[in-house]
């Protein structure tokens, strides 16, 4: 079953207006996290949020780093 099929199935359950999908807890993550996805009336993604409670601290040592280096640097530290 594709992700689009899953979203359609969820949006068919009762009520009109915006729907919310919440994945909590996120797996394969050191610490606690969740993903919240908001769907419009047609089942399209209106907004999505990822929340991680722990402070990672990447921001401090990424300041001034060329943007091309950021993905390579952070991917060696954390898989998120």
C-alpha atoms as a PDB file:
ATOM      1  CA  UNK A   1       0.000   0.000   0.000  1.00  0.00           C
ATOM      2  CA  UNK A   2       1.439   3.380  -0.991  1.00  0.00           C
ATOM      3  CA  UNK A   3       1.664   6.403   1.315  1.00  0.00           C
ATOM      4  CA  UNK A   4      -1.023   8.134  -0.765  1.00  0.00           C
ATOM      5  CA  UNK A   5      -3.368   5.161  -0.200  1.00  0.00           C
ATOM      6  CA  UNK A   6      -2.700   5.271   3.539  1.00  0.00           C
ATOM      7  CA  UNK A   7      -3.418   9.008   3.667  1.00  0.00           C
ATOM      8  CA  UNK A   8      -6.659   8.514   1.701  1.00  0.00           C
ATOM      9  CA  UNK A   9      -7.744   5.809   4.141  1.00  0.00           C
ATOM     10  CA  UNK A  10      -7.065   8.075   7.128  1.00  0.00           C
ATOM     11  CA  UNK A  11      -8.875  11.067   5.621  1.00  0.00           C
ATOM     12  CA  UNK A  12     -11.994   8.975   4.924  1.00  0.00           C
ATOM     13  CA  UNK A  13     -12.583   8.571   8.668  1.00  0.00           C
ATOM     14  CA  UNK A  14     -15.289  11.015   9.799  1.00  0.00           C
ATOM     15  CA  UNK A  15     -15.548  14.800   9.892  1.00  0.00           C
ATOM     16  CA  UNK A  16     -14.770  17.553   7.441  1.00  0.00           C
ATOM     17  CA  UNK A  17     -11.860  19.951   7.358  1.00  0.00           C
ATOM     18  CA  UNK A  18      -8.226  19.455   8.195  1.00  0.00           C
ATOM     19  CA  UNK A  19      -6.994  16.054   9.387  1.00  0.00           C
ATOM     20  CA  UNK A  20      -3.932  15.279  11.492  1.00  0.00           C
ATOM     21  CA  UNK A  21      -1.559  12.313  11.286  1.00  0.00           C
ATOM     22  CA  UNK A  22       0.833  11.902  14.201  1.00  0.00           C
ATOM     23  CA  UNK A  23       3.765   9.493  14.318  1.00  0.00           C
ATOM     24  CA  UNK A  24       4.779   9.291  17.952  1.00  0.00           C
ATOM     25  CA  UNK A  25       7.280   8.066  18.965  1.00  0.00           C
ATOM     26  CA  UNK A  26       9.654   8.245  16.023  1.00  0.00           C
ATOM     27  CA  UNK A  27      11.859   5.183  15.792  1.00  0.00           C
ATOM     28  CA  UNK A  28      15.532   5.068  14.854  1.00  0.00           C
ATOM     29  CA  UNK A  29      16.133   8.283  16.748  1.00  0.00           C
ATOM     30  CA  UNK A  30      18.296   8.756  19.819  1.00  0.00           C
ATOM     31  CA  UNK A  31      15.927  10.397  22.282  1.00  0.00           C
ATOM     32  CA  UNK A  32      12.296  11.336  21.792  1.00  0.00           C
ATOM     33  CA  UNK A  33      10.648  12.762  18.706  1.00  0.00           C
ATOM     34  CA  UNK A  34       7.421  12.904  16.749  1.00  0.00           C
ATOM     35  CA  UNK A  35       6.163  13.883  13.317  1.00  0.00           C
ATOM     36  CA  UNK A  36       2.829  15.637  12.827  1.00  0.00           C
ATOM     37  CA  UNK A  37       1.299  15.963   9.350  1.00  0.00           C
ATOM     38  CA  UNK A  38      -1.754  18.143   8.650  1.00  0.00           C
ATOM     39  CA  UNK A  39      -3.885  17.332   5.601  1.00  0.00           C
ATOM     40  CA  UNK A  40      -6.358  19.621   3.881  1.00  0.00           C
ATOM     41  CA  UNK A  41      -9.885  18.592   2.889  1.00  0.00           C
ATOM     42  CA  UNK A  42      -8.612  16.910  -0.304  1.00  0.00           C
ATOM     43  CA  UNK A  43      -6.026  14.840   1.576  1.00  0.00           C
ATOM     44  CA  UNK A  44      -3.041  16.882   0.423  1.00  0.00           C
ATOM     45  CA  UNK A  45      -0.309  17.783   2.897  1.00  0.00           C
ATOM     46  CA  UNK A  46      -1.006  21.279   4.219  1.00  0.00           C
ATOM     47  CA  UNK A  47       1.838  21.376   6.753  1.00  0.00           C
ATOM     48  CA  UNK A  48       4.263  19.007   8.480  1.00  0.00           C
ATOM     49  CA  UNK A  49       6.352  19.308  11.636  1.00  0.00           C
ATOM     50  CA  UNK A  50       9.141  17.268  13.166  1.00  0.00           C
ATOM     51  CA  UNK A  51       9.707  17.768  16.874  1.00  0.00           C
ATOM     52  CA  UNK A  52      12.758  16.506  18.743  1.00  0.00           C
ATOM     53  CA  UNK A  53      13.026  17.236  22.448  1.00  0.00           C
ATOM     54  CA  UNK A  54      16.791  16.909  22.821  1.00  0.00           C
ATOM     55  CA  UNK A  55      19.071  19.828  22.018  1.00  0.00           C
ATOM     56  CA  UNK A  56      21.454  18.719  19.307  1.00  0.00           C
ATOM     57  CA  UNK A  57      23.729  21.762  19.238  1.00  0.00           C
ATOM     58  CA  UNK A  58      24.599  21.492  15.536  1.00  0.00           C
ATOM     59  CA  UNK A  59      23.741  25.137  15.004  1.00  0.00           C
ATOM     60  CA  UNK A  60      26.788  26.434  16.870  1.00  0.00           C
ATOM     61  CA  UNK A  61      29.484  24.609  14.935  1.00  0.00           C
ATOM     62  CA  UNK A  62      27.702  25.041  11.585  1.00  0.00           C
ATOM     63  CA  UNK A  63      27.873  28.842  11.780  1.00  0.00           C
ATOM     64  CA  UNK A  64      30.132  30.085   8.988  1.00  0.00           C
ATOM     65  CA  UNK A  65      30.449  26.651   7.349  1.00  0.00           C
ATOM     66  CA  UNK A  66      29.840  26.565   3.570  1.00  0.00           C
ATOM     67  CA  UNK A  67      26.313  25.279   2.928  1.00  0.00           C
ATOM     68  CA  UNK A  68      27.661  22.503   0.686  1.00  0.00           C
ATOM     69  CA  UNK A  69      29.496  21.005   3.669  1.00  0.00           C
ATOM     70  CA  UNK A  70      26.513  20.949   6.056  1.00  0.00           C
ATOM     71  CA  UNK A  71      24.800  17.723   4.834  1.00  0.00           C
ATOM     72  CA  UNK A  72      28.080  15.809   4.824  1.00  0.00           C
ATOM     73  CA  UNK A  73      28.990  17.030   8.298  1.00  0.00           C
ATOM     74  CA  UNK A  74      25.689  16.430  10.093  1.00  0.00           C
ATOM     75  CA  UNK A  75      25.004  13.086   8.396  1.00  0.00           C
ATOM     76  CA  UNK A  76      28.091  11.635  10.083  1.00  0.00           C
ATOM     77  CA  UNK A  77      26.758  12.665  13.488  1.00  0.00           C
ATOM     78  CA  UNK A  78      23.058  11.824  13.398  1.00  0.00           C
ATOM     79  CA  UNK A  79      20.769  10.025  10.968  1.00  0.00           C
ATOM     80  CA  UNK A  80      17.957  12.588  11.295  1.00  0.00           C
END
